[in-house]
Amino acid sequence: MDKRLLDILCDPLSKTPLKLLTKSQLDVLNRAIRANEIQTTDGRTVSGDVASGLITIDGKVIYRIDDGIPVLLADEAIGTTQLRDFPR
């Protein structure tokens, strides 16, 4: 993702800056998704691995990136409190 774009992106609700998920964070997230343990903030179960994503700098909320486009919809966000042993 273009660094200039990343520098201006923020969580649509809290306005907290975002950064790219690390490989270890993606691995933990995708393991939990495969185990059907992850829901979006509107309560829908997440299906299918996340190829890349953004996380708020406070580590509380994840947004997926689909085909290079950040999906910054509050209803489709993933709260990290549902992830055990999530690396910060």
C-alpha atoms as a PDB file:
ATOM      1  CA  MET A   1       0.000   0.000   0.000  1.00  0.00           C
ATOM      2  CA  ASP A   2       1.217   3.468  -0.860  1.00  0.00           C
ATOM      3  CA  LYS A   3       2.784   5.106   2.202  1.00  0.00           C
ATOM      4  CA  ARG A   4       1.138   8.461   1.415  1.00  0.00           C
ATOM      5  CA  LEU A   5      -2.297   6.827   1.447  1.00  0.00           C
ATOM      6  CA  LEU A   6      -1.511   4.934   4.644  1.00  0.00           C
ATOM      7  CA  ASP A   7      -0.456   8.212   6.297  1.00  0.00           C
ATOM      8  CA  ILE A   8      -3.917   9.753   5.779  1.00  0.00           C
ATOM      9  CA  LEU A   9      -6.122   6.729   6.523  1.00  0.00           C
ATOM     10  CA  CYS A  10      -7.838   6.491   9.894  1.00  0.00           C
ATOM     11  CA  ASP A  11     -10.553   4.544  11.667  1.00  0.00           C
ATOM     12  CA  PRO A  12     -13.861   6.043  10.467  1.00  0.00           C
ATOM     13  CA  LEU A  13     -15.324   6.159  13.981  1.00  0.00           C
ATOM     14  CA  SER A  14     -12.484   6.930  16.378  1.00  0.00           C
ATOM     15  CA  LYS A  15     -10.250   8.722  13.845  1.00  0.00           C
ATOM     16  CA  THR A  16      -7.329   6.644  15.203  1.00  0.00           C
ATOM     17  CA  PRO A  17      -4.498   6.285  12.652  1.00  0.00           C
ATOM     18  CA  LEU A  18      -4.053   2.922  10.939  1.00  0.00           C
ATOM     19  CA  LYS A  19      -1.044   0.774  10.099  1.00  0.00           C
ATOM     20  CA  LEU A  20      -0.610  -2.430   8.116  1.00  0.00           C
ATOM     21  CA  LEU A  21      -1.129  -5.752   9.870  1.00  0.00           C
ATOM     22  CA  THR A  22       2.073  -7.711  10.350  1.00  0.00           C
ATOM     23  CA  LYS A  23       2.452 -11.259   9.073  1.00  0.00           C
ATOM     24  CA  SER A  24       2.198 -12.647  12.604  1.00  0.00           C
ATOM     25  CA  GLN A  25      -0.995 -10.654  13.224  1.00  0.00           C
ATOM     26  CA  LEU A  26      -2.466 -11.914   9.937  1.00  0.00           C
ATOM     27  CA  ASP A  27      -1.560 -15.494  10.842  1.00  0.00           C
ATOM     28  CA  VAL A  28      -3.347 -15.290  14.211  1.00  0.00           C
ATOM     29  CA  LEU A  29      -6.383 -13.610  12.606  1.00  0.00           C
ATOM     30  CA  ASN A  30      -6.672 -16.162   9.807  1.00  0.00           C
ATOM     31  CA  ARG A  31      -6.319 -19.127  12.186  1.00  0.00           C
ATOM     32  CA  ALA A  32      -9.213 -17.746  14.230  1.00  0.00           C
ATOM     33  CA  ILE A  33     -11.276 -17.109  11.075  1.00  0.00           C
ATOM     34  CA  ARG A  34     -10.740 -20.729   9.937  1.00  0.00           C
ATOM     35  CA  ALA A  35     -11.940 -21.859  13.381  1.00  0.00           C
ATOM     36  CA  ASN A  36     -15.134 -19.760  12.948  1.00  0.00           C
ATOM     37  CA  GLU A  37     -14.250 -17.685  16.014  1.00  0.00           C
ATOM     38  CA  ILE A  38     -14.318 -14.211  14.456  1.00  0.00           C
ATOM     39  CA  GLN A  39     -17.230 -11.850  13.918  1.00  0.00           C
ATOM     40  CA  THR A  40     -17.481  -8.388  12.453  1.00  0.00           C
ATOM     41  CA  THR A  41     -18.686  -5.569  14.685  1.00  0.00           C
ATOM     42  CA  ASP A  42     -22.221  -6.064  13.331  1.00  0.00           C
ATOM     43  CA  GLY A  43     -22.186  -9.727  14.415  1.00  0.00           C
ATOM     44  CA  ARG A  44     -21.587 -11.546  11.127  1.00  0.00           C
ATOM     45  CA  THR A  45     -19.138 -14.462  11.163  1.00  0.00           C
ATOM     46  CA  VAL A  46     -16.055 -13.725   9.052  1.00  0.00           C
ATOM     47  CA  SER A  47     -15.381 -16.354   6.396  1.00  0.00           C
ATOM     48  CA  GLY A  48     -12.352 -16.632   4.178  1.00  0.00           C
ATOM     49  CA  ASP A  49      -8.805 -15.623   4.968  1.00  0.00           C
ATOM     50  CA  VAL A  50      -7.790 -11.984   5.091  1.00  0.00           C
ATOM     51  CA  ALA A  51      -4.915 -11.433   2.629  1.00  0.00           C
ATOM     52  CA  SER A  52      -3.938  -8.075   4.103  1.00  0.00           C
ATOM     53  CA  GLY A  53      -5.393  -5.579   6.493  1.00  0.00           C
ATOM     54  CA  LEU A  54      -5.071  -2.451   8.557  1.00  0.00           C
ATOM     55  CA  ILE A  55      -5.153  -2.128  12.324  1.00  0.00           C
ATOM     56  CA  THR A  56      -5.603   0.917  14.487  1.00  0.00           C
ATOM     57  CA  ILE A  57      -2.382   1.994  16.175  1.00  0.00           C
ATOM     58  CA  ASP A  58      -3.940   1.183  19.550  1.00  0.00           C
ATOM     59  CA  GLY A  59      -4.415  -2.401  18.293  1.00  0.00           C
ATOM     60  CA  LYS A  60      -8.168  -2.552  18.909  1.00  0.00           C
ATOM     61  CA  VAL A  61      -9.753  -2.697  15.435  1.00  0.00           C
ATOM     62  CA  ILE A  62      -8.863  -4.447  12.160  1.00  0.00           C
ATOM     63  CA  TYR A  63     -10.055  -3.543   8.665  1.00  0.00           C
ATOM     64  CA  ARG A  64      -9.418  -5.851   5.723  1.00  0.00           C
ATOM     65  CA  ILE A  65      -7.928  -4.770   2.417  1.00  0.00           C
ATOM     66  CA  ASP A  66      -9.660  -6.304  -0.627  1.00  0.00           C
ATOM     67  CA  ASP A  67      -7.823  -6.171  -3.949  1.00  0.00           C
ATOM     68  CA  GLY A  68      -5.681  -3.296  -2.688  1.00  0.00           C
ATOM     69  CA  ILE A  69      -8.684  -1.284  -1.467  1.00  0.00           C
ATOM     70  CA  PRO A  70      -9.107  -0.667   2.279  1.00  0.00           C
ATOM     71  CA  VAL A  71     -12.625  -1.582   3.437  1.00  0.00           C
ATOM     72  CA  LEU A  72     -13.133   1.087   6.087  1.00  0.00           C
ATOM     73  CA  LEU A  73     -16.719   0.258   6.965  1.00  0.00           C
ATOM     74  CA  ALA A  74     -17.462   0.260  10.692  1.00  0.00           C
ATOM     75  CA  ASP A  75     -19.915  -2.651  10.327  1.00  0.00           C
ATOM     76  CA  GLU A  76     -17.227  -4.830   8.726  1.00  0.00           C
ATOM     77  CA  ALA A  77     -14.474  -4.072  11.226  1.00  0.00           C
ATOM     78  CA  ILE A  78     -13.049  -6.833  13.430  1.00  0.00           C
ATOM     79  CA  GLY A  79     -12.406  -6.191  17.103  1.00  0.00           C
ATOM     80  CA  THR A  80      -9.160  -7.703  18.349  1.00  0.00           C
ATOM     81  CA  THR A  81     -10.564  -8.550  21.794  1.00  0.00           C
ATOM     82  CA  GLN A  82     -11.946 -11.763  20.286  1.00  0.00           C
ATOM     83  CA  LEU A  83      -8.431 -12.912  19.334  1.00  0.00           C
ATOM     84  CA  ARG A  84      -6.419 -14.900  21.861  1.00  0.00           C
ATOM     85  CA  ASP A  85      -2.676 -14.266  21.961  1.00  0.00           C
ATOM     86  CA  PHE A  86      -2.914 -11.497  19.374  1.00  0.00           C
ATOM     87  CA  PRO A  87       0.528  -9.927  18.834  1.00  0.00           C
ATOM     88  CA  ARG A  88       0.627  -6.164  19.392  1.00  0.00           C
END
